[in-house]
Amino acid sequence: VPLPLVTRVRDELTRMEQAGVIRKITEPTEWCAPIVPVIKSNNTIRICVDLKRLNKSVLRERYILPT
């Protein structure tokens, strides 16, 4: 996170946590997703998440169609 945006990102993450959108994790986890803060046109912060690493880790059920 760029230094000028640290406090604004922290405030947005706190707001999202209080709204129940996200929750704080205090113990180690197997994966994490990097975030990218984006300044919207109304000068508020949007938190974007890159889920490429998560998608690689998800075990999907395969439904093979009969031919």
PDB file of N, CA and C in Angstrom:
ATOM      1  N   VAL A   1       0.857  -1.173   0.000  1.00  0.00           N
ATOM      2  CA  VAL A   1       0.000   0.000   0.000  1.00  0.00           C
ATOM      3  C   VAL A   1       0.900   1.232   0.000  1.00  0.00           C
ATOM      4  N   PRO A   2       0.672   2.180  -0.891  1.00  0.00           N
ATOM      5  CA  PRO A   2       1.467   3.407  -0.891  1.00  0.00           C
ATOM      6  C   PRO A   2       1.309   4.158   0.433  1.00  0.00           C
ATOM      7  N   LEU A   3       2.398   4.712   0.923  1.00  0.00           N
ATOM      8  CA  LEU A   3       2.388   5.394   2.228  1.00  0.00           C
ATOM      9  C   LEU A   3       1.325   6.478   2.360  1.00  0.00           C
ATOM     10  N   PRO A   4       1.072   7.299   1.338  1.00  0.00           N
ATOM     11  CA  PRO A   4       0.028   8.324   1.524  1.00  0.00           C
ATOM     12  C   PRO A   4      -1.376   7.749   1.718  1.00  0.00           C
ATOM     13  N   LEU A   5      -1.580   6.494   1.338  1.00  0.00           N
ATOM     14  CA  LEU A   5      -2.918   5.893   1.434  1.00  0.00           C
ATOM     15  C   LEU A   5      -3.093   4.971   2.634  1.00  0.00           C
ATOM     16  N   VAL A   6      -2.063   4.774   3.440  1.00  0.00           N
ATOM     17  CA  VAL A   6      -2.119   3.797   4.532  1.00  0.00           C
ATOM     18  C   VAL A   6      -3.270   4.075   5.489  1.00  0.00           C
ATOM     19  N   THR A   7      -3.429   5.306   5.947  1.00  0.00           N
ATOM     20  CA  THR A   7      -4.493   5.599   6.914  1.00  0.00           C
ATOM     21  C   THR A   7      -5.875   5.456   6.277  1.00  0.00           C
ATOM     22  N   ARG A   8      -6.009   5.856   5.020  1.00  0.00           N
ATOM     23  CA  ARG A   8      -7.307   5.749   4.355  1.00  0.00           C
ATOM     24  C   ARG A   8      -7.678   4.287   4.117  1.00  0.00           C
ATOM     25  N   VAL A   9      -6.687   3.468   3.771  1.00  0.00           N
ATOM     26  CA  VAL A   9      -6.940   2.040   3.572  1.00  0.00           C
ATOM     27  C   VAL A   9      -7.287   1.384   4.899  1.00  0.00           C
ATOM     28  N   ARG A  10      -6.579   1.730   5.955  1.00  0.00           N
ATOM     29  CA  ARG A  10      -6.864   1.179   7.276  1.00  0.00           C
ATOM     30  C   ARG A  10      -8.286   1.546   7.700  1.00  0.00           C
ATOM     31  N   ASP A  11      -8.693   2.797   7.457  1.00  0.00           N
ATOM     32  CA  ASP A  11     -10.054   3.226   7.802  1.00  0.00           C
ATOM     33  C   ASP A  11     -11.099   2.441   6.998  1.00  0.00           C
ATOM     34  N   GLU A  12     -10.828   2.215   5.710  1.00  0.00           N
ATOM     35  CA  GLU A  12     -11.770   1.473   4.872  1.00  0.00           C
ATOM     36  C   GLU A  12     -11.854   0.014   5.317  1.00  0.00           C
ATOM     37  N   LEU A  13     -10.726  -0.586   5.666  1.00  0.00           N
ATOM     38  CA  LEU A  13     -10.745  -1.967   6.152  1.00  0.00           C
ATOM     39  C   LEU A  13     -11.501  -2.064   7.476  1.00  0.00           C
ATOM     40  N   THR A  14     -11.339  -1.087   8.353  1.00  0.00           N
ATOM     41  CA  THR A  14     -12.079  -1.062   9.623  1.00  0.00           C
ATOM     42  C   THR A  14     -13.572  -0.929   9.368  1.00  0.00           C
ATOM     43  N   ARG A  15     -13.948  -0.058   8.425  1.00  0.00           N
ATOM     44  CA  ARG A  15     -15.363   0.116   8.076  1.00  0.00           C
ATOM     45  C   ARG A  15     -15.938  -1.182   7.528  1.00  0.00           C
ATOM     46  N   MET A  16     -15.194  -1.854   6.656  1.00  0.00           N
ATOM     47  CA  MET A  16     -15.664  -3.108   6.070  1.00  0.00           C
ATOM     48  C   MET A  16     -15.783  -4.200   7.132  1.00  0.00           C
ATOM     49  N   GLU A  17     -14.873  -4.210   8.095  1.00  0.00           N
ATOM     50  CA  GLU A  17     -14.934  -5.192   9.177  1.00  0.00           C
ATOM     51  C   GLU A  17     -16.154  -4.950  10.060  1.00  0.00           C
ATOM     52  N   GLN A  18     -16.427  -3.700  10.377  1.00  0.00           N
ATOM     53  CA  GLN A  18     -17.581  -3.371  11.213  1.00  0.00           C
ATOM     54  C   GLN A  18     -18.893  -3.668  10.496  1.00  0.00           C
ATOM     55  N   ALA A  19     -18.896  -3.567   9.154  1.00  0.00           N
ATOM     56  CA  ALA A  19     -20.102  -3.849   8.377  1.00  0.00           C
ATOM     57  C   ALA A  19     -20.306  -5.344   8.171  1.00  0.00           C
ATOM     58  N   GLY A  20     -19.324  -6.158   8.568  1.00  0.00           N
ATOM     59  CA  GLY A  20     -19.452  -7.596   8.425  1.00  0.00           C
ATOM     60  C   GLY A  20     -19.061  -8.121   7.053  1.00  0.00           C
ATOM     61  N   VAL A  21     -18.433  -7.296   6.245  1.00  0.00           N
ATOM     62  CA  VAL A  21     -18.022  -7.717   4.910  1.00  0.00           C
ATOM     63  C   VAL A  21     -16.779  -8.599   4.985  1.00  0.00           C
ATOM     64  N   ILE A  22     -15.857  -8.230   5.864  1.00  0.00           N
ATOM     65  CA  ILE A  22     -14.628  -8.994   6.071  1.00  0.00           C
ATOM     66  C   ILE A  22     -14.476  -9.251   7.561  1.00  0.00           C
ATOM     67  N   ARG A  23     -13.566 -10.140   7.902  1.00  0.00           N
ATOM     68  CA  ARG A  23     -13.262 -10.334   9.317  1.00  0.00           C
ATOM     69  C   ARG A  23     -11.757 -10.456   9.482  1.00  0.00           C
ATOM     70  N   LYS A  24     -11.281 -10.036  10.640  1.00  0.00           N
ATOM     71  CA  LYS A  24      -9.863 -10.033  10.929  1.00  0.00           C
ATOM     72  C   LYS A  24      -9.406 -11.441  11.297  1.00  0.00           C
ATOM     73  N   ILE A  25      -8.282 -11.840  10.725  1.00  0.00           N
ATOM     74  CA  ILE A  25      -7.684 -13.144  11.009  1.00  0.00           C
ATOM     75  C   ILE A  25      -6.412 -12.889  11.797  1.00  0.00           C
ATOM     76  N   THR A  26      -6.297 -13.524  12.974  1.00  0.00           N
ATOM     77  CA  THR A  26      -5.127 -13.292  13.822  1.00  0.00           C
ATOM     78  C   THR A  26      -4.188 -14.487  13.862  1.00  0.00           C
ATOM     79  N   GLU A  27      -4.648 -15.648  13.362  1.00  0.00           N
ATOM     80  CA  GLU A  27      -3.786 -16.814  13.359  1.00  0.00           C
ATOM     81  C   GLU A  27      -3.238 -17.044  11.944  1.00  0.00           C
ATOM     82  N   PRO A  28      -2.180 -17.841  11.820  1.00  0.00           N
ATOM     83  CA  PRO A  28      -1.626 -18.111  10.490  1.00  0.00           C
ATOM     84  C   PRO A  28      -2.650 -18.800   9.591  1.00  0.00           C
ATOM     85  N   THR A  29      -2.571 -18.515   8.312  1.00  0.00           N
ATOM     86  CA  THR A  29      -3.473 -19.108   7.337  1.00  0.00           C
ATOM     87  C   THR A  29      -2.659 -19.682   6.186  1.00  0.00           C
ATOM     88  N   GLU A  30      -3.245 -20.604   5.436  1.00  0.00           N
ATOM     89  CA  GLU A  30      -2.527 -21.255   4.347  1.00  0.00           C
ATOM     90  C   GLU A  30      -2.331 -20.348   3.140  1.00  0.00           C
ATOM     91  N   TRP A  31      -3.184 -19.370   2.970  1.00  0.00           N
ATOM     92  CA  TRP A  31      -3.046 -18.480   1.824  1.00  0.00           C
ATOM     93  C   TRP A  31      -3.518 -17.090   2.200  1.00  0.00           C
ATOM     94  N   CYS A  32      -3.134 -16.139   1.424  1.00  0.00           N
ATOM     95  CA  CYS A  32      -3.639 -14.777   1.577  1.00  0.00           C
ATOM     96  C   CYS A  32      -3.750 -14.170   0.179  1.00  0.00           C
ATOM     97  N   ALA A  33      -4.614 -13.212   0.038  1.00  0.00           N
ATOM     98  CA  ALA A  33      -4.828 -12.558  -1.245  1.00  0.00           C
ATOM     99  C   ALA A  33      -4.316 -11.121  -1.162  1.00  0.00           C
ATOM    100  N   PRO A  34      -3.491 -10.714  -2.100  1.00  0.00           N
ATOM    101  CA  PRO A  34      -2.993  -9.341  -2.082  1.00  0.00           C
ATOM    102  C   PRO A  34      -4.109  -8.341  -2.405  1.00  0.00           C
ATOM    103  N   ILE A  35      -4.065  -7.192  -1.747  1.00  0.00           N
ATOM    104  CA  ILE A  35      -5.063  -6.153  -2.013  1.00  0.00           C
ATOM    105  C   ILE A  35      -4.414  -5.001  -2.765  1.00  0.00           C
ATOM    106  N   VAL A  36      -5.240  -4.299  -3.522  1.00  0.00           N
ATOM    107  CA  VAL A  36      -4.807  -3.108  -4.242  1.00  0.00           C
ATOM    108  C   VAL A  36      -5.823  -2.011  -3.951  1.00  0.00           C
ATOM    109  N   PRO A  37      -5.401  -0.916  -3.303  1.00  0.00           N
ATOM    110  CA  PRO A  37      -6.338   0.184  -3.072  1.00  0.00           C
ATOM    111  C   PRO A  37      -6.463   1.042  -4.333  1.00  0.00           C
ATOM    112  N   VAL A  38      -7.692   1.410  -4.666  1.00  0.00           N
ATOM    113  CA  VAL A  38      -7.956   2.244  -5.841  1.00  0.00           C
ATOM    114  C   VAL A  38      -8.748   3.456  -5.376  1.00  0.00           C
ATOM    115  N   ILE A  39      -8.344   4.634  -5.815  1.00  0.00           N
ATOM    116  CA  ILE A  39      -9.077   5.855  -5.479  1.00  0.00           C
ATOM    117  C   ILE A  39     -10.185   6.039  -6.507  1.00  0.00           C
ATOM    118  N   LYS A  40     -11.420   6.074  -6.028  1.00  0.00           N
ATOM    119  CA  LYS A  40     -12.570   6.244  -6.903  1.00  0.00           C
ATOM    120  C   LYS A  40     -12.738   7.716  -7.269  1.00  0.00           C
ATOM    121  N   SER A  41     -13.626   8.002  -8.201  1.00  0.00           N
ATOM    122  CA  SER A  41     -13.810   9.366  -8.683  1.00  0.00           C
ATOM    123  C   SER A  41     -14.348  10.311  -7.611  1.00  0.00           C
ATOM    124  N   ASN A  42     -15.051   9.773  -6.581  1.00  0.00           N
ATOM    125  CA  ASN A  42     -15.552  10.617  -5.501  1.00  0.00           C
ATOM    126  C   ASN A  42     -14.545  10.705  -4.345  1.00  0.00           C
ATOM    127  N   ASN A  43     -13.286  10.315  -4.609  1.00  0.00           N
ATOM    128  CA  ASN A  43     -12.160  10.428  -3.681  1.00  0.00           C
ATOM    129  C   ASN A  43     -12.261   9.464  -2.491  1.00  0.00           C
ATOM    130  N   THR A  44     -13.041   8.395  -2.624  1.00  0.00           N
ATOM    131  CA  THR A  44     -13.060   7.360  -1.601  1.00  0.00           C
ATOM    132  C   THR A  44     -12.178   6.202  -2.070  1.00  0.00           C
ATOM    133  N   ILE A  45     -11.900   5.290  -1.161  1.00  0.00           N
ATOM    134  CA  ILE A  45     -11.011   4.165  -1.462  1.00  0.00           C
ATOM    135  C   ILE A  45     -11.834   2.922  -1.765  1.00  0.00           C
ATOM    136  N   ARG A  46     -11.456   2.212  -2.807  1.00  0.00           N
ATOM    137  CA  ARG A  46     -12.036   0.902  -3.110  1.00  0.00           C
ATOM    138  C   ARG A  46     -10.927  -0.126  -2.904  1.00  0.00           C
ATOM    139  N   ILE A  47     -11.240  -1.194  -2.191  1.00  0.00           N
ATOM    140  CA  ILE A  47     -10.278  -2.262  -1.945  1.00  0.00           C
ATOM    141  C   ILE A  47     -10.530  -3.365  -2.977  1.00  0.00           C
ATOM    142  N   CYS A  48      -9.554  -3.608  -3.820  1.00  0.00           N
ATOM    143  CA  CYS A  48      -9.636  -4.670  -4.827  1.00  0.00           C
ATOM    144  C   CYS A  48      -8.747  -5.821  -4.383  1.00  0.00           C
ATOM    145  N   VAL A  49      -9.169  -7.040  -4.670  1.00  0.00           N
ATOM    146  CA  VAL A  49      -8.443  -8.233  -4.250  1.00  0.00           C
ATOM    147  C   VAL A  49      -8.106  -9.060  -5.477  1.00  0.00           C
ATOM    148  N   ASP A  50      -6.859  -9.543  -5.540  1.00  0.00           N
ATOM    149  CA  ASP A  50      -6.422 -10.419  -6.616  1.00  0.00           C
ATOM    150  C   ASP A  50      -6.546 -11.861  -6.132  1.00  0.00           C
ATOM    151  N   LEU A  51      -7.494 -12.604  -6.689  1.00  0.00           N
ATOM    152  CA  LEU A  51      -7.780 -13.952  -6.209  1.00  0.00           C
ATOM    153  C   LEU A  51      -7.155 -15.046  -7.075  1.00  0.00           C
ATOM    154  N   LYS A  52      -6.133 -14.718  -7.862  1.00  0.00           N
ATOM    155  CA  LYS A  52      -5.491 -15.722  -8.709  1.00  0.00           C
ATOM    156  C   LYS A  52      -4.883 -16.844  -7.878  1.00  0.00           C
ATOM    157  N   ARG A  53      -4.196 -16.510  -6.784  1.00  0.00           N
ATOM    158  CA  ARG A  53      -3.594 -17.534  -5.923  1.00  0.00           C
ATOM    159  C   ARG A  53      -4.669 -18.410  -5.288  1.00  0.00           C
ATOM    160  N   LEU A  54      -5.760 -17.804  -4.858  1.00  0.00           N
ATOM    161  CA  LEU A  54      -6.847 -18.570  -4.250  1.00  0.00           C
ATOM    162  C   LEU A  54      -7.457 -19.526  -5.267  1.00  0.00           C
ATOM    163  N   ASN A  55      -7.699 -19.058  -6.478  1.00  0.00           N
ATOM    164  CA  ASN A  55      -8.307 -19.913  -7.496  1.00  0.00           C
ATOM    165  C   ASN A  55      -7.444 -21.124  -7.813  1.00  0.00           C
ATOM    166  N   LYS A  56      -6.115 -20.986  -7.720  1.00  0.00           N
ATOM    167  CA  LYS A  56      -5.227 -22.121  -7.944  1.00  0.00           C
ATOM    168  C   LYS A  56      -5.323 -23.134  -6.802  1.00  0.00           C
ATOM    169  N   SER A  57      -5.673 -22.689  -5.603  1.00  0.00           N
ATOM    170  CA  SER A  57      -5.719 -23.554  -4.427  1.00  0.00           C
ATOM    171  C   SER A  57      -7.059 -24.244  -4.227  1.00  0.00           C
ATOM    172  N   VAL A  58      -8.111 -23.751  -4.861  1.00  0.00           N
ATOM    173  CA  VAL A  58      -9.451 -24.310  -4.658  1.00  0.00           C
ATOM    174  C   VAL A  58      -9.538 -25.678  -5.325  1.00  0.00           C
ATOM    175  N   LEU A  59     -10.003 -26.656  -4.562  1.00  0.00           N
ATOM    176  CA  LEU A  59     -10.230 -27.989  -5.106  1.00  0.00           C
ATOM    177  C   LEU A  59     -11.640 -28.035  -5.678  1.00  0.00           C
ATOM    178  N   ARG A  60     -11.730 -28.249  -6.963  1.00  0.00           N
ATOM    179  CA  ARG A  60     -13.031 -28.244  -7.626  1.00  0.00           C
ATOM    180  C   ARG A  60     -13.475 -29.678  -7.913  1.00  0.00           C
ATOM    181  N   GLU A  61     -14.772 -29.901  -7.820  1.00  0.00           N
ATOM    182  CA  GLU A  61     -15.312 -31.194  -8.190  1.00  0.00           C
ATOM    183  C   GLU A  61     -15.454 -31.227  -9.704  1.00  0.00           C
ATOM    184  N   ARG A  62     -15.070 -32.335 -10.281  1.00  0.00           N
ATOM    185  CA  ARG A  62     -15.148 -32.497 -11.728  1.00  0.00           C
ATOM    186  C   ARG A  62     -16.362 -33.353 -12.070  1.00  0.00           C
ATOM    187  N   TYR A  63     -17.208 -32.834 -12.911  1.00  0.00           N
ATOM    188  CA  TYR A  63     -18.366 -33.573 -13.384  1.00  0.00           C
ATOM    189  C   TYR A  63     -18.126 -33.893 -14.857  1.00  0.00           C
ATOM    190  N   ILE A  64     -17.676 -35.116 -15.098  1.00  0.00           N
ATOM    191  CA  ILE A  64     -17.385 -35.528 -16.467  1.00  0.00           C
ATOM    192  C   ILE A  64     -18.700 -35.974 -17.120  1.00  0.00           C
ATOM    193  N   LEU A  65     -19.014 -35.360 -18.232  1.00  0.00           N
ATOM    194  CA  LEU A  65     -20.239 -35.711 -18.950  1.00  0.00           C
ATOM    195  C   LEU A  65     -20.000 -36.948 -19.809  1.00  0.00           C
ATOM    196  N   PRO A  66     -20.942 -37.850 -19.816  1.00  0.00           N
ATOM    197  CA  PRO A  66     -20.771 -39.028 -20.677  1.00  0.00           C
ATOM    198  C   PRO A  66     -20.856 -38.636 -22.149  1.00  0.00           C
ATOM    199  N   THR A  67     -20.078 -39.304 -22.960  1.00  0.00           N
ATOM    200  CA  THR A  67     -20.102 -38.988 -24.400  1.00  0.00           C
ATOM    201  C   THR A  67     -20.922 -39.996 -25.148  1.00  0.00           C
TER     202      THR A  67
END
